[in-house]
Amino acid sequence: MHQTVFVFMDFDGVTHPWGEVEDFRCLPLIEAVLRDYPETRVVIASDWRMLFSLAKLVSRFSEDLRPRVAGATPHMLPKRGSDLHGMREREALLWLSQHVPDVATAAWCAIDDAPGNWLTRSRLVLTDFKRGFTEEDAGALRRMLDGFREGVAVPLTEPASLMRRA
């Protein structure tokens, strides 16, 4: 049995190109990768979580993967403009602190098109917002998930300082 890996996932610029029709055309490729890693759980880290119910968001996924959507990150309000840098990662770490025994040893990664949302770039599959999730991104996600399976530690950027800024 492999350790559970949480995949924090954005929608716009990931599941479909940003600014185009919101048809989730790239989601089947993401799901194809996730199917090969049954230990993965998806946590929605998209602004969509503030507009739609979790049930509505989960319904976007294929029926077989819906039970593997573990929830959505909490929404944190920035106190100042500089707080926006790394905000999604702080929200993800807050979610992890509420759902796993030890955030420091938790296996997690993110799929997002905005690098400023995540300070820990070693855990980020960065998509091109004009294309969404591609075959190249699928390869990067597979390498990351293989690393978690093999027990290769992915460094985390100072979790305590990230949580303090929350």
C-alpha atoms as a PDB file:
ATOM      1  CA  MET A   1       0.000   0.000   0.000  1.00  0.00           C
ATOM      2  CA  HIS A   2       1.364   3.375  -1.014  1.00  0.00           C
ATOM      3  CA  GLN A   3       1.145   6.584   0.988  1.00  0.00           C
ATOM      4  CA  THR A   4      -1.812   8.770   0.036  1.00  0.00           C
ATOM      5  CA  VAL A   5      -0.742  11.611  -2.262  1.00  0.00           C
ATOM      6  CA  PHE A   6      -2.860  14.742  -2.370  1.00  0.00           C
ATOM      7  CA  VAL A   7      -2.997  16.553  -5.704  1.00  0.00           C
ATOM      8  CA  PHE A   8      -4.078  20.182  -5.288  1.00  0.00           C
ATOM      9  CA  MET A   9      -5.650  21.137  -8.578  1.00  0.00           C
ATOM     10  CA  ASP A  10      -6.562  24.416 -10.227  1.00  0.00           C
ATOM     11  CA  PHE A  11      -9.156  24.480 -13.030  1.00  0.00           C
ATOM     12  CA  ASP A  12      -8.709  27.531 -15.305  1.00  0.00           C
ATOM     13  CA  GLY A  13      -5.482  27.120 -17.276  1.00  0.00           C
ATOM     14  CA  VAL A  14      -5.271  23.471 -16.184  1.00  0.00           C
ATOM     15  CA  THR A  15      -8.462  21.592 -17.070  1.00  0.00           C
ATOM     16  CA  HIS A  16      -8.976  23.939 -20.044  1.00  0.00           C
ATOM     17  CA  PRO A  17      -7.088  26.909 -21.497  1.00  0.00           C
ATOM     18  CA  TRP A  18      -7.646  30.075 -19.489  1.00  0.00           C
ATOM     19  CA  GLY A  19     -10.064  32.528 -21.054  1.00  0.00           C
ATOM     20  CA  GLU A  20     -11.580  29.986 -23.437  1.00  0.00           C
ATOM     21  CA  VAL A  21     -14.733  27.933 -23.147  1.00  0.00           C
ATOM     22  CA  GLU A  22     -14.778  26.164 -19.777  1.00  0.00           C
ATOM     23  CA  ASP A  23     -15.234  22.704 -21.270  1.00  0.00           C
ATOM     24  CA  PHE A  24     -12.757  20.803 -19.084  1.00  0.00           C
ATOM     25  CA  ARG A  25     -11.206  19.347 -22.265  1.00  0.00           C
ATOM     26  CA  CYS A  26      -7.912  18.554 -20.494  1.00  0.00           C
ATOM     27  CA  LEU A  27      -9.486  16.773 -17.517  1.00  0.00           C
ATOM     28  CA  PRO A  28      -9.566  13.326 -19.213  1.00  0.00           C
ATOM     29  CA  LEU A  29      -5.758  13.409 -19.535  1.00  0.00           C
ATOM     30  CA  ILE A  30      -5.348  14.325 -15.858  1.00  0.00           C
ATOM     31  CA  GLU A  31      -7.768  11.558 -14.921  1.00  0.00           C
ATOM     32  CA  ALA A  32      -5.838   9.048 -17.049  1.00  0.00           C
ATOM     33  CA  VAL A  33      -2.728   9.767 -14.981  1.00  0.00           C
ATOM     34  CA  LEU A  34      -4.628   9.613 -11.683  1.00  0.00           C
ATOM     35  CA  ARG A  35      -6.116   6.220 -12.584  1.00  0.00           C
ATOM     36  CA  ASP A  36      -2.597   4.775 -12.670  1.00  0.00           C
ATOM     37  CA  TYR A  37      -2.017   6.033  -9.114  1.00  0.00           C
ATOM     38  CA  PRO A  38      -4.943   4.849  -6.971  1.00  0.00           C
ATOM     39  CA  GLU A  39      -3.243   6.337  -3.896  1.00  0.00           C
ATOM     40  CA  THR A  40      -3.893   9.861  -5.201  1.00  0.00           C
ATOM     41  CA  ARG A  41      -6.658  12.104  -3.919  1.00  0.00           C
ATOM     42  CA  VAL A  42      -7.652  15.380  -5.552  1.00  0.00           C
ATOM     43  CA  VAL A  43      -8.160  18.539  -3.546  1.00  0.00           C
ATOM     44  CA  ILE A  44      -9.678  21.405  -5.500  1.00  0.00           C
ATOM     45  CA  ALA A  45      -7.562  24.537  -5.169  1.00  0.00           C
ATOM     46  CA  SER A  46      -9.340  26.596  -7.803  1.00  0.00           C
ATOM     47  CA  ASP A  47     -11.246  29.841  -7.378  1.00  0.00           C
ATOM     48  CA  TRP A  48     -14.205  27.800  -8.615  1.00  0.00           C
ATOM     49  CA  ARG A  49     -14.487  26.460  -5.051  1.00  0.00           C
ATOM     50  CA  MET A  50     -15.859  29.850  -4.016  1.00  0.00           C
ATOM     51  CA  LEU A  51     -18.470  29.927  -6.798  1.00  0.00           C
ATOM     52  CA  PHE A  52     -19.836  26.384  -6.834  1.00  0.00           C
ATOM     53  CA  SER A  53     -20.699  23.717  -4.297  1.00  0.00           C
ATOM     54  CA  LEU A  54     -18.274  20.854  -3.775  1.00  0.00           C
ATOM     55  CA  ALA A  55     -20.887  18.487  -5.230  1.00  0.00           C
ATOM     56  CA  LYS A  56     -21.056  20.576  -8.418  1.00  0.00           C
ATOM     57  CA  LEU A  57     -17.258  20.620  -8.698  1.00  0.00           C
ATOM     58  CA  VAL A  58     -16.975  16.881  -8.085  1.00  0.00           C
ATOM     59  CA  SER A  59     -19.553  16.249 -10.825  1.00  0.00           C
ATOM     60  CA  ARG A  60     -17.008  17.554 -13.372  1.00  0.00           C
ATOM     61  CA  PHE A  61     -14.903  14.432 -12.784  1.00  0.00           C
ATOM     62  CA  SER A  62     -15.541  11.010 -14.282  1.00  0.00           C
ATOM     63  CA  GLU A  63     -17.751   8.829 -12.134  1.00  0.00           C
ATOM     64  CA  ASP A  64     -14.932   6.467 -11.145  1.00  0.00           C
ATOM     65  CA  LEU A  65     -12.777   9.334  -9.859  1.00  0.00           C
ATOM     66  CA  ARG A  66     -15.430  11.282  -7.974  1.00  0.00           C
ATOM     67  CA  PRO A  67     -14.876   9.325  -4.736  1.00  0.00           C
ATOM     68  CA  ARG A  68     -11.212  10.350  -4.884  1.00  0.00           C
ATOM     69  CA  VAL A  69     -11.958  14.066  -4.672  1.00  0.00           C
ATOM     70  CA  ALA A  70     -11.102  14.700  -1.030  1.00  0.00           C
ATOM     71  CA  GLY A  71     -12.436  18.224  -0.824  1.00  0.00           C
ATOM     72  CA  ALA A  72     -11.455  21.805  -1.527  1.00  0.00           C
ATOM     73  CA  THR A  73      -8.940  24.067   0.119  1.00  0.00           C
ATOM     74  CA  PRO A  74     -10.170  26.723   2.532  1.00  0.00           C
ATOM     75  CA  HIS A  75     -10.271  30.303   1.286  1.00  0.00           C
ATOM     76  CA  MET A  76      -7.864  32.587   3.102  1.00  0.00           C
ATOM     77  CA  LEU A  77      -8.184  36.358   2.855  1.00  0.00           C
ATOM     78  CA  PRO A  78      -4.917  38.242   2.333  1.00  0.00           C
ATOM     79  CA  LYS A  79      -4.173  40.962   4.845  1.00  0.00           C
ATOM     80  CA  ARG A  80      -1.935  42.800   2.356  1.00  0.00           C
ATOM     81  CA  GLY A  81      -1.098  42.519  -1.335  1.00  0.00           C
ATOM     82  CA  SER A  82       2.161  40.686  -0.719  1.00  0.00           C
ATOM     83  CA  ASP A  83       0.187  37.882   0.954  1.00  0.00           C
ATOM     84  CA  LEU A  84      -1.128  36.828  -2.466  1.00  0.00           C
ATOM     85  CA  HIS A  85       2.275  35.349  -3.379  1.00  0.00           C
ATOM     86  CA  GLY A  86       2.120  31.701  -2.330  1.00  0.00           C
ATOM     87  CA  MET A  87      -1.481  31.979  -1.107  1.00  0.00           C
ATOM     88  CA  ARG A  88      -2.677  28.726  -2.700  1.00  0.00           C
ATOM     89  CA  GLU A  89       0.175  26.846  -1.098  1.00  0.00           C
ATOM     90  CA  ARG A  90      -0.687  28.276   2.309  1.00  0.00           C
ATOM     91  CA  GLU A  91      -4.318  27.246   1.737  1.00  0.00           C
ATOM     92  CA  ALA A  92      -3.133  23.752   0.762  1.00  0.00           C
ATOM     93  CA  LEU A  93      -0.958  23.483   3.858  1.00  0.00           C
ATOM     94  CA  LEU A  94      -3.877  24.622   6.008  1.00  0.00           C
ATOM     95  CA  TRP A  95      -6.067  21.928   4.392  1.00  0.00           C
ATOM     96  CA  LEU A  96      -3.351  19.330   5.032  1.00  0.00           C
ATOM     97  CA  SER A  97      -3.020  20.437   8.678  1.00  0.00           C
ATOM     98  CA  GLN A  98      -6.736  19.659   9.067  1.00  0.00           C
ATOM     99  CA  HIS A  99      -6.604  16.266   7.336  1.00  0.00           C
ATOM    100  CA  VAL A 100      -3.240  14.557   7.910  1.00  0.00           C
ATOM    101  CA  PRO A 101      -1.331  13.816  11.105  1.00  0.00           C
ATOM    102  CA  ASP A 102       1.936  15.481  10.006  1.00  0.00           C
ATOM    103  CA  VAL A 103       2.067  18.144   7.300  1.00  0.00           C
ATOM    104  CA  ALA A 104       5.864  17.918   7.139  1.00  0.00           C
ATOM    105  CA  THR A 105       5.723  14.297   5.947  1.00  0.00           C
ATOM    106  CA  ALA A 106       2.576  14.579   3.826  1.00  0.00           C
ATOM    107  CA  ALA A 107       2.872  13.609   0.167  1.00  0.00           C
ATOM    108  CA  TRP A 108       1.380  16.345  -1.986  1.00  0.00           C
ATOM    109  CA  CYS A 109       1.798  18.188  -5.248  1.00  0.00           C
ATOM    110  CA  ALA A 110      -0.068  20.822  -7.208  1.00  0.00           C
ATOM    111  CA  ILE A 111      -1.202  21.354 -10.783  1.00  0.00           C
ATOM    112  CA  ASP A 112      -1.580  25.059 -11.551  1.00  0.00           C
ATOM    113  CA  ASP A 113      -0.902  27.572 -14.302  1.00  0.00           C
ATOM    114  CA  ALA A 114       0.167  30.376 -11.936  1.00  0.00           C
ATOM    115  CA  PRO A 115       3.622  29.841 -10.432  1.00  0.00           C
ATOM    116  CA  GLY A 116       3.133  32.669  -7.931  1.00  0.00           C
ATOM    117  CA  ASN A 117       0.497  30.590  -6.157  1.00  0.00           C
ATOM    118  CA  TRP A 118       3.091  28.016  -5.050  1.00  0.00           C
ATOM    119  CA  LEU A 119       6.413  28.721  -3.352  1.00  0.00           C
ATOM    120  CA  THR A 120       7.459  25.063  -3.371  1.00  0.00           C
ATOM    121  CA  ARG A 121       8.160  24.743  -7.079  1.00  0.00           C
ATOM    122  CA  SER A 122       9.542  21.217  -6.677  1.00  0.00           C
ATOM    123  CA  ARG A 123       5.970  20.061  -6.012  1.00  0.00           C
ATOM    124  CA  LEU A 124       4.329  22.056  -8.812  1.00  0.00           C
ATOM    125  CA  VAL A 125       3.328  20.799 -12.242  1.00  0.00           C
ATOM    126  CA  LEU A 126       3.150  24.158 -13.996  1.00  0.00           C
ATOM    127  CA  THR A 127       0.833  24.232 -16.990  1.00  0.00           C
ATOM    128  CA  ASP A 128       0.750  26.764 -19.812  1.00  0.00           C
ATOM    129  CA  PHE A 129      -2.464  28.737 -19.264  1.00  0.00           C
ATOM    130  CA  LYS A 130      -2.946  29.012 -23.036  1.00  0.00           C
ATOM    131  CA  ARG A 131      -2.971  25.223 -23.488  1.00  0.00           C
ATOM    132  CA  GLY A 132      -4.036  23.663 -20.200  1.00  0.00           C
ATOM    133  CA  PHE A 133      -2.746  20.254 -19.065  1.00  0.00           C
ATOM    134  CA  THR A 134      -0.777  18.559 -21.865  1.00  0.00           C
ATOM    135  CA  GLU A 135       1.001  15.243 -22.506  1.00  0.00           C
ATOM    136  CA  GLU A 136       4.213  16.929 -21.337  1.00  0.00           C
ATOM    137  CA  ASP A 137       2.492  17.885 -18.071  1.00  0.00           C
ATOM    138  CA  ALA A 138       1.194  14.321 -17.753  1.00  0.00           C
ATOM    139  CA  GLY A 139       4.793  13.095 -17.923  1.00  0.00           C
ATOM    140  CA  ALA A 140       5.857  15.577 -15.244  1.00  0.00           C
ATOM    141  CA  LEU A 141       2.973  14.510 -12.993  1.00  0.00           C
ATOM    142  CA  ARG A 142       3.825  10.830 -13.506  1.00  0.00           C
ATOM    143  CA  ARG A 143       7.477  11.467 -12.574  1.00  0.00           C
ATOM    144  CA  MET A 144       6.390  13.289  -9.434  1.00  0.00           C
ATOM    145  CA  LEU A 145       3.923  10.570  -8.416  1.00  0.00           C
ATOM    146  CA  ASP A 146       6.536   7.879  -9.142  1.00  0.00           C
ATOM    147  CA  GLY A 147       8.906   9.759  -6.838  1.00  0.00           C
ATOM    148  CA  PHE A 148       6.358   9.655  -4.029  1.00  0.00           C
ATOM    149  CA  ARG A 149       5.877   5.909  -4.632  1.00  0.00           C
ATOM    150  CA  GLU A 150       9.603   5.354  -4.447  1.00  0.00           C
ATOM    151  CA  GLY A 151       9.780   7.308  -1.219  1.00  0.00           C
ATOM    152  CA  VAL A 152      11.903  10.077  -2.687  1.00  0.00           C
ATOM    153  CA  ALA A 153      11.496  13.058  -0.394  1.00  0.00           C
ATOM    154  CA  VAL A 154      10.332  16.187  -2.184  1.00  0.00           C
ATOM    155  CA  PRO A 155      11.572  19.205  -0.234  1.00  0.00           C
ATOM    156  CA  LEU A 156       9.047  21.523   1.339  1.00  0.00           C
ATOM    157  CA  THR A 157       9.830  25.216   1.680  1.00  0.00           C
ATOM    158  CA  GLU A 158       9.695  26.101   5.363  1.00  0.00           C
ATOM    159  CA  PRO A 159       6.186  24.937   6.256  1.00  0.00           C
ATOM    160  CA  ALA A 160       6.222  26.801   9.560  1.00  0.00           C
ATOM    161  CA  SER A 161       6.876  30.157   7.902  1.00  0.00           C
ATOM    162  CA  LEU A 162       4.203  29.481   5.300  1.00  0.00           C
ATOM    163  CA  MET A 163       1.672  28.669   8.004  1.00  0.00           C
ATOM    164  CA  ARG A 164       2.622  31.759  10.047  1.00  0.00           C
ATOM    165  CA  ARG A 165       1.723  34.000   7.109  1.00  0.00           C
ATOM    166  CA  ALA A 166      -1.742  32.447   6.986  1.00  0.00           C
END
